[in-house]
ModelCIF file with pLDDT and N, C-alpha, C, O atoms, coordinates in Angstrom:
data_MODEL
#
_entry.id   MODEL 
#
_entity.id                         1 
_entity.type                       polymer 
_entity.pdbx_number_of_molecules   1 
#
_entity_poly.entity_id                      1 
_entity_poly.type                           'polypeptide(L)' 
_entity_poly.nstd_linkage                   no 
_entity_poly.nstd_monomer                   no 
_entity_poly.pdbx_seq_one_letter_code       
;(UNK)(UNK)(UNK)(UNK)(UNK)(UNK)(UNK)(UNK)(UNK)(UNK)(UNK)(UNK)(UNK)(UNK)(UNK)(UNK)
(UNK)(UNK)(UNK)(UNK)(UNK)(UNK)(UNK)(UNK)(UNK)(UNK)(UNK)(UNK)(UNK)(UNK)(UNK)(UNK)
(UNK)(UNK)(UNK)(UNK)(UNK)(UNK)(UNK)(UNK)(UNK)(UNK)(UNK)
;
_entity_poly.pdbx_seq_one_letter_code_can   XXXXXXXXXXXXXXXXXXXXXXXXXXXXXXXXXXXXXXXXXXX 
_entity_poly.pdbx_strand_id                 A 
#
loop_
_entity_poly_seq.entity_id 
_entity_poly_seq.num 
_entity_poly_seq.mon_id 
_entity_poly_seq.hetero 
1 1  UNK n 
1 2  UNK n 
1 3  UNK n 
1 4  UNK n 
1 5  UNK n 
1 6  UNK n 
1 7  UNK n 
1 8  UNK n 
1 9  UNK n 
1 10 UNK n 
1 11 UNK n 
1 12 UNK n 
1 13 UNK n 
1 14 UNK n 
1 15 UNK n 
1 16 UNK n 
1 17 UNK n 
1 18 UNK n 
1 19 UNK n 
1 20 UNK n 
1 21 UNK n 
1 22 UNK n 
1 23 UNK n 
1 24 UNK n 
1 25 UNK n 
1 26 UNK n 
1 27 UNK n 
1 28 UNK n 
1 29 UNK n 
1 30 UNK n 
1 31 UNK n 
1 32 UNK n 
1 33 UNK n 
1 34 UNK n 
1 35 UNK n 
1 36 UNK n 
1 37 UNK n 
1 38 UNK n 
1 39 UNK n 
1 40 UNK n 
1 41 UNK n 
1 42 UNK n 
1 43 UNK n 
#
_struct_asym.id          A 
_struct_asym.entity_id   1 
#
loop_
_ma_qa_metric.id 
_ma_qa_metric.mode 
_ma_qa_metric.name 
_ma_qa_metric.software_group_id 
_ma_qa_metric.type 
1 global pLDDT . pLDDT 
2 local  pLDDT . pLDDT 
#
_ma_qa_metric_global.metric_id      1 
_ma_qa_metric_global.metric_value   91.91 
_ma_qa_metric_global.model_id       1 
_ma_qa_metric_global.ordinal_id     1 
#
loop_
_ma_qa_metric_local.label_asym_id 
_ma_qa_metric_local.label_comp_id 
_ma_qa_metric_local.label_seq_id 
_ma_qa_metric_local.metric_id 
_ma_qa_metric_local.metric_value 
_ma_qa_metric_local.model_id 
_ma_qa_metric_local.ordinal_id 
A UNK 1  2 83.00 1 1  
A UNK 2  2 84.00 1 2  
A UNK 3  2 89.00 1 3  
A UNK 4  2 88.00 1 4  
A UNK 5  2 89.00 1 5  
A UNK 6  2 90.00 1 6  
A UNK 7  2 92.00 1 7  
A UNK 8  2 93.00 1 8  
A UNK 9  2 95.00 1 9  
A UNK 10 2 95.00 1 10 
A UNK 11 2 93.00 1 11 
A UNK 12 2 93.00 1 12 
A UNK 13 2 97.00 1 13 
A UNK 14 2 97.00 1 14 
A UNK 15 2 96.00 1 15 
A UNK 16 2 96.00 1 16 
A UNK 17 2 95.00 1 17 
A UNK 18 2 94.00 1 18 
A UNK 19 2 93.00 1 19 
A UNK 20 2 91.00 1 20 
A UNK 21 2 92.00 1 21 
A UNK 22 2 90.00 1 22 
A UNK 23 2 91.00 1 23 
A UNK 24 2 89.00 1 24 
A UNK 25 2 91.00 1 25 
A UNK 26 2 92.00 1 26 
A UNK 27 2 93.00 1 27 
A UNK 28 2 93.00 1 28 
A UNK 29 2 91.00 1 29 
A UNK 30 2 92.00 1 30 
A UNK 31 2 94.00 1 31 
A UNK 32 2 94.00 1 32 
A UNK 33 2 91.00 1 33 
A UNK 34 2 93.00 1 34 
A UNK 35 2 92.00 1 35 
A UNK 36 2 87.00 1 36 
A UNK 37 2 89.00 1 37 
A UNK 38 2 91.00 1 38 
A UNK 39 2 92.00 1 39 
A UNK 40 2 92.00 1 40 
A UNK 41 2 92.00 1 41 
A UNK 42 2 93.00 1 42 
A UNK 43 2 95.00 1 43 
#
loop_
_atom_site.group_PDB 
_atom_site.id 
_atom_site.type_symbol 
_atom_site.label_atom_id 
_atom_site.label_alt_id 
_atom_site.label_comp_id 
_atom_site.label_asym_id 
_atom_site.label_entity_id 
_atom_site.label_seq_id 
_atom_site.pdbx_PDB_ins_code 
_atom_site.Cartn_x 
_atom_site.Cartn_y 
_atom_site.Cartn_z 
_atom_site.occupancy 
_atom_site.B_iso_or_equiv 
_atom_site.pdbx_formal_charge 
_atom_site.auth_seq_id 
_atom_site.auth_comp_id 
_atom_site.auth_asym_id 
_atom_site.auth_atom_id 
_atom_site.pdbx_PDB_model_num 
ATOM 1   N N  . UNK A 1 1  ? -42.023 73.426 36.231 1.00 83.00 ? 1  UNK A N  1 
ATOM 2   C CA . UNK A 1 1  ? -42.095 74.870 35.963 1.00 83.00 ? 1  UNK A CA 1 
ATOM 3   C C  . UNK A 1 1  ? -40.800 75.618 36.230 1.00 83.00 ? 1  UNK A C  1 
ATOM 4   O O  . UNK A 1 1  ? -40.628 76.734 35.739 1.00 83.00 ? 1  UNK A O  1 
ATOM 5   N N  . UNK A 1 2  ? -39.873 75.028 37.005 1.00 84.00 ? 2  UNK A N  1 
ATOM 6   C CA . UNK A 1 2  ? -38.620 75.713 37.256 1.00 84.00 ? 2  UNK A CA 1 
ATOM 7   C C  . UNK A 1 2  ? -37.660 75.692 36.088 1.00 84.00 ? 2  UNK A C  1 
ATOM 8   O O  . UNK A 1 2  ? -36.648 76.393 36.108 1.00 84.00 ? 2  UNK A O  1 
ATOM 9   N N  . UNK A 1 3  ? -37.960 74.893 35.058 1.00 89.00 ? 3  UNK A N  1 
ATOM 10  C CA . UNK A 1 3  ? -37.082 74.768 33.893 1.00 89.00 ? 3  UNK A CA 1 
ATOM 11  C C  . UNK A 1 3  ? -37.679 75.496 32.701 1.00 89.00 ? 3  UNK A C  1 
ATOM 12  O O  . UNK A 1 3  ? -38.894 75.479 32.502 1.00 89.00 ? 3  UNK A O  1 
ATOM 13  N N  . UNK A 1 4  ? -36.820 76.140 31.900 1.00 88.00 ? 4  UNK A N  1 
ATOM 14  C CA . UNK A 1 4  ? -37.329 76.787 30.695 1.00 88.00 ? 4  UNK A CA 1 
ATOM 15  C C  . UNK A 1 4  ? -37.331 75.830 29.506 1.00 88.00 ? 4  UNK A C  1 
ATOM 16  O O  . UNK A 1 4  ? -37.989 76.081 28.496 1.00 88.00 ? 4  UNK A O  1 
ATOM 17  N N  . UNK A 1 5  ? -36.578 74.720 29.637 1.00 89.00 ? 5  UNK A N  1 
ATOM 18  C CA . UNK A 1 5  ? -36.547 73.711 28.574 1.00 89.00 ? 5  UNK A CA 1 
ATOM 19  C C  . UNK A 1 5  ? -36.442 72.342 29.212 1.00 89.00 ? 5  UNK A C  1 
ATOM 20  O O  . UNK A 1 5  ? -35.781 72.165 30.236 1.00 89.00 ? 5  UNK A O  1 
ATOM 21  N N  . UNK A 1 6  ? -37.102 71.378 28.598 1.00 90.00 ? 6  UNK A N  1 
ATOM 22  C CA . UNK A 1 6  ? -37.004 70.018 29.104 1.00 90.00 ? 6  UNK A CA 1 
ATOM 23  C C  . UNK A 1 6  ? -37.290 69.058 27.967 1.00 90.00 ? 6  UNK A C  1 
ATOM 24  O O  . UNK A 1 6  ? -38.228 69.253 27.195 1.00 90.00 ? 6  UNK A O  1 
ATOM 25  N N  . UNK A 1 7  ? -36.469 68.012 27.868 1.00 92.00 ? 7  UNK A N  1 
ATOM 26  C CA . UNK A 1 7  ? -36.624 67.031 26.802 1.00 92.00 ? 7  UNK A CA 1 
ATOM 27  C C  . UNK A 1 7  ? -36.253 65.659 27.357 1.00 92.00 ? 7  UNK A C  1 
ATOM 28  O O  . UNK A 1 7  ? -35.217 65.490 27.999 1.00 92.00 ? 7  UNK A O  1 
ATOM 29  N N  . UNK A 1 8  ? -37.123 64.683 27.095 1.00 93.00 ? 8  UNK A N  1 
ATOM 30  C CA . UNK A 1 8  ? -36.882 63.326 27.579 1.00 93.00 ? 8  UNK A CA 1 
ATOM 31  C C  . UNK A 1 8  ? -36.148 62.510 26.530 1.00 93.00 ? 8  UNK A C  1 
ATOM 32  O O  . UNK A 1 8  ? -36.428 62.618 25.337 1.00 93.00 ? 8  UNK A O  1 
ATOM 33  N N  . UNK A 1 9  ? -35.198 61.685 26.987 1.00 95.00 ? 9  UNK A N  1 
ATOM 34  C CA . UNK A 1 9  ? -34.433 60.791 26.119 1.00 95.00 ? 9  UNK A CA 1 
ATOM 35  C C  . UNK A 1 9  ? -34.398 59.391 26.737 1.00 95.00 ? 9  UNK A C  1 
ATOM 36  O O  . UNK A 1 9  ? -34.816 59.179 27.875 1.00 95.00 ? 9  UNK A O  1 
ATOM 37  N N  . UNK A 1 10 ? -33.885 58.448 25.946 1.00 95.00 ? 10 UNK A N  1 
ATOM 38  C CA . UNK A 1 10 ? -33.698 57.071 26.421 1.00 95.00 ? 10 UNK A CA 1 
ATOM 39  C C  . UNK A 1 10 ? -34.979 56.520 27.030 1.00 95.00 ? 10 UNK A C  1 
ATOM 40  O O  . UNK A 1 10 ? -35.004 56.065 28.174 1.00 95.00 ? 10 UNK A O  1 
ATOM 41  N N  . UNK A 1 11 ? -36.046 56.573 26.229 1.00 93.00 ? 11 UNK A N  1 
ATOM 42  C CA . UNK A 1 11 ? -37.352 56.047 26.652 1.00 93.00 ? 11 UNK A CA 1 
ATOM 43  C C  . UNK A 1 11 ? -37.853 56.714 27.927 1.00 93.00 ? 11 UNK A C  1 
ATOM 44  O O  . UNK A 1 11 ? -38.522 56.083 28.746 1.00 93.00 ? 11 UNK A O  1 
ATOM 45  N N  . UNK A 1 12 ? -37.526 57.997 28.089 1.00 93.00 ? 12 UNK A N  1 
ATOM 46  C CA . UNK A 1 12 ? -38.016 58.763 29.223 1.00 93.00 ? 12 UNK A CA 1 
ATOM 47  C C  . UNK A 1 12 ? -37.205 58.638 30.491 1.00 93.00 ? 12 UNK A C  1 
ATOM 48  O O  . UNK A 1 12 ? -37.526 59.284 31.488 1.00 93.00 ? 12 UNK A O  1 
ATOM 49  N N  . UNK A 1 13 ? -36.154 57.821 30.485 1.00 97.00 ? 13 UNK A N  1 
ATOM 50  C CA . UNK A 1 13 ? -35.355 57.625 31.696 1.00 97.00 ? 13 UNK A CA 1 
ATOM 51  C C  . UNK A 1 13 ? -34.444 58.818 31.999 1.00 97.00 ? 13 UNK A C  1 
ATOM 52  O O  . UNK A 1 13 ? -34.143 59.101 33.158 1.00 97.00 ? 13 UNK A O  1 
ATOM 53  N N  . UNK A 1 14 ? -34.013 59.507 30.950 1.00 97.00 ? 14 UNK A N  1 
ATOM 54  C CA . UNK A 1 14 ? -33.082 60.635 31.092 1.00 97.00 ? 14 UNK A CA 1 
ATOM 55  C C  . UNK A 1 14 ? -33.775 61.910 30.633 1.00 97.00 ? 14 UNK A C  1 
ATOM 56  O O  . UNK A 1 14 ? -34.421 61.944 29.586 1.00 97.00 ? 14 UNK A O  1 
ATOM 57  N N  . UNK A 1 15 ? -33.626 62.957 31.439 1.00 96.00 ? 15 UNK A N  1 
ATOM 58  C CA . UNK A 1 15 ? -34.146 64.268 31.047 1.00 96.00 ? 15 UNK A CA 1 
ATOM 59  C C  . UNK A 1 15 ? -32.987 65.241 30.840 1.00 96.00 ? 15 UNK A C  1 
ATOM 60  O O  . UNK A 1 15 ? -32.040 65.289 31.625 1.00 96.00 ? 15 UNK A O  1 
ATOM 61  N N  . UNK A 1 16 ? -33.091 66.007 29.767 1.00 96.00 ? 16 UNK A N  1 
ATOM 62  C CA . UNK A 1 16 ? -32.201 67.143 29.562 1.00 96.00 ? 16 UNK A CA 1 
ATOM 63  C C  . UNK A 1 16 ? -32.998 68.394 29.925 1.00 96.00 ? 16 UNK A C  1 
ATOM 64  O O  . UNK A 1 16 ? -34.108 68.594 29.433 1.00 96.00 ? 16 UNK A O  1 
ATOM 65  N N  . UNK A 1 17 ? -32.429 69.228 30.781 1.00 95.00 ? 17 UNK A N  1 
ATOM 66  C CA . UNK A 1 17 ? -33.175 70.335 31.378 1.00 95.00 ? 17 UNK A CA 1 
ATOM 67  C C  . UNK A 1 17 ? -32.413 71.640 31.209 1.00 95.00 ? 17 UNK A C  1 
ATOM 68  O O  . UNK A 1 17 ? -31.194 71.688 31.375 1.00 95.00 ? 17 UNK A O  1 
ATOM 69  N N  . UNK A 1 18 ? -33.144 72.697 30.878 1.00 94.00 ? 18 UNK A N  1 
ATOM 70  C CA . UNK A 1 18 ? -32.557 74.028 30.803 1.00 94.00 ? 18 UNK A CA 1 
ATOM 71  C C  . UNK A 1 18 ? -33.047 74.877 31.963 1.00 94.00 ? 18 UNK A C  1 
ATOM 72  O O  . UNK A 1 18 ? -34.250 74.949 32.214 1.00 94.00 ? 18 UNK A O  1 
ATOM 73  N N  . UNK A 1 19 ? -32.127 75.523 32.676 1.00 93.00 ? 19 UNK A N  1 
ATOM 74  C CA . UNK A 1 19 ? -32.463 76.331 33.853 1.00 93.00 ? 19 UNK A CA 1 
ATOM 75  C C  . UNK A 1 19 ? -31.690 77.640 33.807 1.00 93.00 ? 19 UNK A C  1 
ATOM 76  O O  . UNK A 1 19 ? -30.526 77.674 33.408 1.00 93.00 ? 19 UNK A O  1 
ATOM 77  N N  . UNK A 1 20 ? -32.348 78.713 34.219 1.00 91.00 ? 20 UNK A N  1 
ATOM 78  C CA . UNK A 1 20 ? -31.682 80.011 34.302 1.00 91.00 ? 20 UNK A CA 1 
ATOM 79  C C  . UNK A 1 20 ? -31.153 80.216 35.721 1.00 91.00 ? 20 UNK A C  1 
ATOM 80  O O  . UNK A 1 20 ? -31.868 79.982 36.695 1.00 91.00 ? 20 UNK A O  1 
ATOM 81  N N  . UNK A 1 21 ? -29.915 80.646 35.831 1.00 92.00 ? 21 UNK A N  1 
ATOM 82  C CA . UNK A 1 21 ? -29.278 80.835 37.130 1.00 92.00 ? 21 UNK A CA 1 
ATOM 83  C C  . UNK A 1 21 ? -29.703 82.170 37.755 1.00 92.00 ? 21 UNK A C  1 
ATOM 84  O O  . UNK A 1 21 ? -29.422 83.241 37.218 1.00 92.00 ? 21 UNK A O  1 
ATOM 85  N N  . UNK A 1 22 ? -30.384 82.079 38.895 1.00 90.00 ? 22 UNK A N  1 
ATOM 86  C CA . UNK A 1 22 ? -30.818 83.276 39.611 1.00 90.00 ? 22 UNK A CA 1 
ATOM 87  C C  . UNK A 1 22 ? -29.666 83.829 40.450 1.00 90.00 ? 22 UNK A C  1 
ATOM 88  O O  . UNK A 1 22 ? -28.653 83.162 40.663 1.00 90.00 ? 22 UNK A O  1 
ATOM 89  N N  . UNK A 1 23 ? -29.847 85.063 40.920 1.00 91.00 ? 23 UNK A N  1 
ATOM 90  C CA . UNK A 1 23 ? -28.791 85.723 41.695 1.00 91.00 ? 23 UNK A CA 1 
ATOM 91  C C  . UNK A 1 23 ? -28.453 84.966 42.975 1.00 91.00 ? 23 UNK A C  1 
ATOM 92  O O  . UNK A 1 23 ? -27.314 85.011 43.442 1.00 91.00 ? 23 UNK A O  1 
ATOM 93  N N  . UNK A 1 24 ? -29.444 84.262 43.550 1.00 89.00 ? 24 UNK A N  1 
ATOM 94  C CA . UNK A 1 24 ? -29.220 83.572 44.824 1.00 89.00 ? 24 UNK A CA 1 
ATOM 95  C C  . UNK A 1 24 ? -28.929 82.085 44.658 1.00 89.00 ? 24 UNK A C  1 
ATOM 96  O O  . UNK A 1 24 ? -28.986 81.338 45.634 1.00 89.00 ? 24 UNK A O  1 
ATOM 97  N N  . UNK A 1 25 ? -28.619 81.643 43.446 1.00 91.00 ? 25 UNK A N  1 
ATOM 98  C CA . UNK A 1 25 ? -28.321 80.234 43.221 1.00 91.00 ? 25 UNK A CA 1 
ATOM 99  C C  . UNK A 1 25 ? -27.055 79.855 43.991 1.00 91.00 ? 25 UNK A C  1 
ATOM 100 O O  . UNK A 1 25 ? -26.034 80.524 43.832 1.00 91.00 ? 25 UNK A O  1 
ATOM 101 N N  . UNK A 1 26 ? -27.081 78.810 44.817 1.00 92.00 ? 26 UNK A N  1 
ATOM 102 C CA . UNK A 1 26 ? -25.931 78.503 45.681 1.00 92.00 ? 26 UNK A CA 1 
ATOM 103 C C  . UNK A 1 26 ? -24.690 77.993 44.958 1.00 92.00 ? 26 UNK A C  1 
ATOM 104 O O  . UNK A 1 26 ? -23.609 77.978 45.546 1.00 92.00 ? 26 UNK A O  1 
ATOM 105 N N  . UNK A 1 27 ? -24.813 77.579 43.708 1.00 93.00 ? 27 UNK A N  1 
ATOM 106 C CA . UNK A 1 27 ? -23.635 77.033 43.011 1.00 93.00 ? 27 UNK A CA 1 
ATOM 107 C C  . UNK A 1 27 ? -22.891 78.092 42.203 1.00 93.00 ? 27 UNK A C  1 
ATOM 108 O O  . UNK A 1 27 ? -21.919 77.770 41.519 1.00 93.00 ? 27 UNK A O  1 
ATOM 109 N N  . UNK A 1 28 ? -23.326 79.340 42.269 1.00 93.00 ? 28 UNK A N  1 
ATOM 110 C CA . UNK A 1 28 ? -22.645 80.393 41.517 1.00 93.00 ? 28 UNK A CA 1 
ATOM 111 C C  . UNK A 1 28 ? -21.224 80.602 42.036 1.00 93.00 ? 28 UNK A C  1 
ATOM 112 O O  . UNK A 1 28 ? -20.923 80.393 43.211 1.00 93.00 ? 28 UNK A O  1 
ATOM 113 N N  . UNK A 1 29 ? -20.363 81.025 41.103 1.00 91.00 ? 29 UNK A N  1 
ATOM 114 C CA . UNK A 1 29 ? -18.982 81.409 41.444 1.00 91.00 ? 29 UNK A CA 1 
ATOM 115 C C  . UNK A 1 29 ? -18.205 80.283 42.124 1.00 91.00 ? 29 UNK A C  1 
ATOM 116 O O  . UNK A 1 29 ? -17.338 80.525 42.963 1.00 91.00 ? 29 UNK A O  1 
ATOM 117 N N  . UNK A 1 30 ? -18.531 79.055 41.746 1.00 92.00 ? 30 UNK A N  1 
ATOM 118 C CA . UNK A 1 30 ? -17.828 77.878 42.248 1.00 92.00 ? 30 UNK A CA 1 
ATOM 119 C C  . UNK A 1 30 ? -17.332 77.073 41.056 1.00 92.00 ? 30 UNK A C  1 
ATOM 120 O O  . UNK A 1 30 ? -18.133 76.739 40.183 1.00 92.00 ? 30 UNK A O  1 
ATOM 121 N N  . UNK A 1 31 ? -16.036 76.744 40.981 1.00 94.00 ? 31 UNK A N  1 
ATOM 122 C CA . UNK A 1 31 ? -15.569 75.908 39.861 1.00 94.00 ? 31 UNK A CA 1 
ATOM 123 C C  . UNK A 1 31 ? -16.395 74.625 39.784 1.00 94.00 ? 31 UNK A C  1 
ATOM 124 O O  . UNK A 1 31 ? -16.665 73.992 40.805 1.00 94.00 ? 31 UNK A O  1 
ATOM 125 N N  . UNK A 1 32 ? -16.787 74.253 38.591 1.00 94.00 ? 32 UNK A N  1 
ATOM 126 C CA . UNK A 1 32 ? -17.660 73.092 38.420 1.00 94.00 ? 32 UNK A CA 1 
ATOM 127 C C  . UNK A 1 32 ? -17.055 71.820 38.998 1.00 94.00 ? 32 UNK A C  1 
ATOM 128 O O  . UNK A 1 32 ? -17.788 70.928 39.423 1.00 94.00 ? 32 UNK A O  1 
ATOM 129 N N  . UNK A 1 33 ? -15.722 71.722 39.020 1.00 91.00 ? 33 UNK A N  1 
ATOM 130 C CA . UNK A 1 33 ? -15.096 70.510 39.544 1.00 91.00 ? 33 UNK A CA 1 
ATOM 131 C C  . UNK A 1 33 ? -15.322 70.345 41.049 1.00 91.00 ? 33 UNK A C  1 
ATOM 132 O O  . UNK A 1 33 ? -15.131 69.258 41.594 1.00 91.00 ? 33 UNK A O  1 
ATOM 133 N N  . UNK A 1 34 ? -15.732 71.441 41.725 1.00 93.00 ? 34 UNK A N  1 
ATOM 134 C CA . UNK A 1 34 ? -15.986 71.367 43.165 1.00 93.00 ? 34 UNK A CA 1 
ATOM 135 C C  . UNK A 1 34 ? -17.469 71.264 43.503 1.00 93.00 ? 34 UNK A C  1 
ATOM 136 O O  . UNK A 1 34 ? -17.825 71.017 44.655 1.00 93.00 ? 34 UNK A O  1 
ATOM 137 N N  . UNK A 1 35 ? -18.328 71.448 42.520 1.00 92.00 ? 35 UNK A N  1 
ATOM 138 C CA . UNK A 1 35 ? -19.771 71.478 42.790 1.00 92.00 ? 35 UNK A CA 1 
ATOM 139 C C  . UNK A 1 35 ? -20.257 70.147 43.354 1.00 92.00 ? 35 UNK A C  1 
ATOM 140 O O  . UNK A 1 35 ? -21.033 70.128 44.309 1.00 92.00 ? 35 UNK A O  1 
ATOM 141 N N  . UNK A 1 36 ? -19.807 69.029 42.771 1.00 87.00 ? 36 UNK A N  1 
ATOM 142 C CA . UNK A 1 36 ? -20.266 67.716 43.233 1.00 87.00 ? 36 UNK A CA 1 
ATOM 143 C C  . UNK A 1 36 ? -19.853 67.465 44.678 1.00 87.00 ? 36 UNK A C  1 
ATOM 144 O O  . UNK A 1 36 ? -20.591 66.825 45.428 1.00 87.00 ? 36 UNK A O  1 
ATOM 145 N N  . UNK A 1 37 ? -18.668 67.966 45.083 1.00 89.00 ? 37 UNK A N  1 
ATOM 146 C CA . UNK A 1 37 ? -18.216 67.781 46.467 1.00 89.00 ? 37 UNK A CA 1 
ATOM 147 C C  . UNK A 1 37 ? -19.063 68.605 47.430 1.00 89.00 ? 37 UNK A C  1 
ATOM 148 O O  . UNK A 1 37 ? -19.414 68.137 48.514 1.00 89.00 ? 37 UNK A O  1 
ATOM 149 N N  . UNK A 1 38 ? -19.389 69.831 47.033 1.00 91.00 ? 38 UNK A N  1 
ATOM 150 C CA . UNK A 1 38 ? -20.148 70.721 47.908 1.00 91.00 ? 38 UNK A CA 1 
ATOM 151 C C  . UNK A 1 38 ? -21.631 70.366 47.957 1.00 91.00 ? 38 UNK A C  1 
ATOM 152 O O  . UNK A 1 38 ? -22.298 70.591 48.967 1.00 91.00 ? 38 UNK A O  1 
ATOM 153 N N  . UNK A 1 39 ? -22.145 69.802 46.847 1.00 92.00 ? 39 UNK A N  1 
ATOM 154 C CA . UNK A 1 39 ? -23.575 69.474 46.764 1.00 92.00 ? 39 UNK A CA 1 
ATOM 155 C C  . UNK A 1 39 ? -23.720 68.032 46.275 1.00 92.00 ? 39 UNK A C  1 
ATOM 156 O O  . UNK A 1 39 ? -24.075 67.803 45.119 1.00 92.00 ? 39 UNK A O  1 
ATOM 157 N N  . UNK A 1 40 ? -23.446 67.060 47.149 1.00 92.00 ? 40 UNK A N  1 
ATOM 158 C CA . UNK A 1 40 ? -23.479 65.655 46.714 1.00 92.00 ? 40 UNK A CA 1 
ATOM 159 C C  . UNK A 1 40 ? -24.844 65.183 46.234 1.00 92.00 ? 40 UNK A C  1 
ATOM 160 O O  . UNK A 1 40 ? -24.932 64.206 45.490 1.00 92.00 ? 40 UNK A O  1 
ATOM 161 N N  . UNK A 1 41 ? -25.913 65.865 46.653 1.00 92.00 ? 41 UNK A N  1 
ATOM 162 C CA . UNK A 1 41 ? -27.256 65.486 46.209 1.00 92.00 ? 41 UNK A CA 1 
ATOM 163 C C  . UNK A 1 41 ? -27.583 66.021 44.814 1.00 92.00 ? 41 UNK A C  1 
ATOM 164 O O  . UNK A 1 41 ? -28.601 65.659 44.225 1.00 92.00 ? 41 UNK A O  1 
ATOM 165 N N  . UNK A 1 42 ? -26.720 66.876 44.300 1.00 93.00 ? 42 UNK A N  1 
ATOM 166 C CA . UNK A 1 42 ? -26.947 67.452 42.975 1.00 93.00 ? 42 UNK A CA 1 
ATOM 167 C C  . UNK A 1 42 ? -26.418 66.482 41.924 1.00 93.00 ? 42 UNK A C  1 
ATOM 168 O O  . UNK A 1 42 ? -25.300 66.637 41.432 1.00 93.00 ? 42 UNK A O  1 
ATOM 169 N N  . UNK A 1 43 ? -27.223 65.490 41.587 1.00 95.00 ? 43 UNK A N  1 
ATOM 170 C CA . UNK A 1 43 ? -26.791 64.423 40.693 1.00 95.00 ? 43 UNK A CA 1 
ATOM 171 C C  . UNK A 1 43 ? -27.139 64.767 39.247 1.00 95.00 ? 43 UNK A C  1 
ATOM 172 O O  . UNK A 1 43 ? -26.853 63.985 38.341 1.00 95.00 ? 43 UNK A O  1 
#
């Protein structure tokens, strides 16, 4: 329910997901190249 769009690919192993960024989203205003370092669990 947190996604506005979702589609399964590769026999269901991979999901493509659409999400709207809320005002309190912790990854806002961070260059994408640093997101993986700051949030290693965000795979």
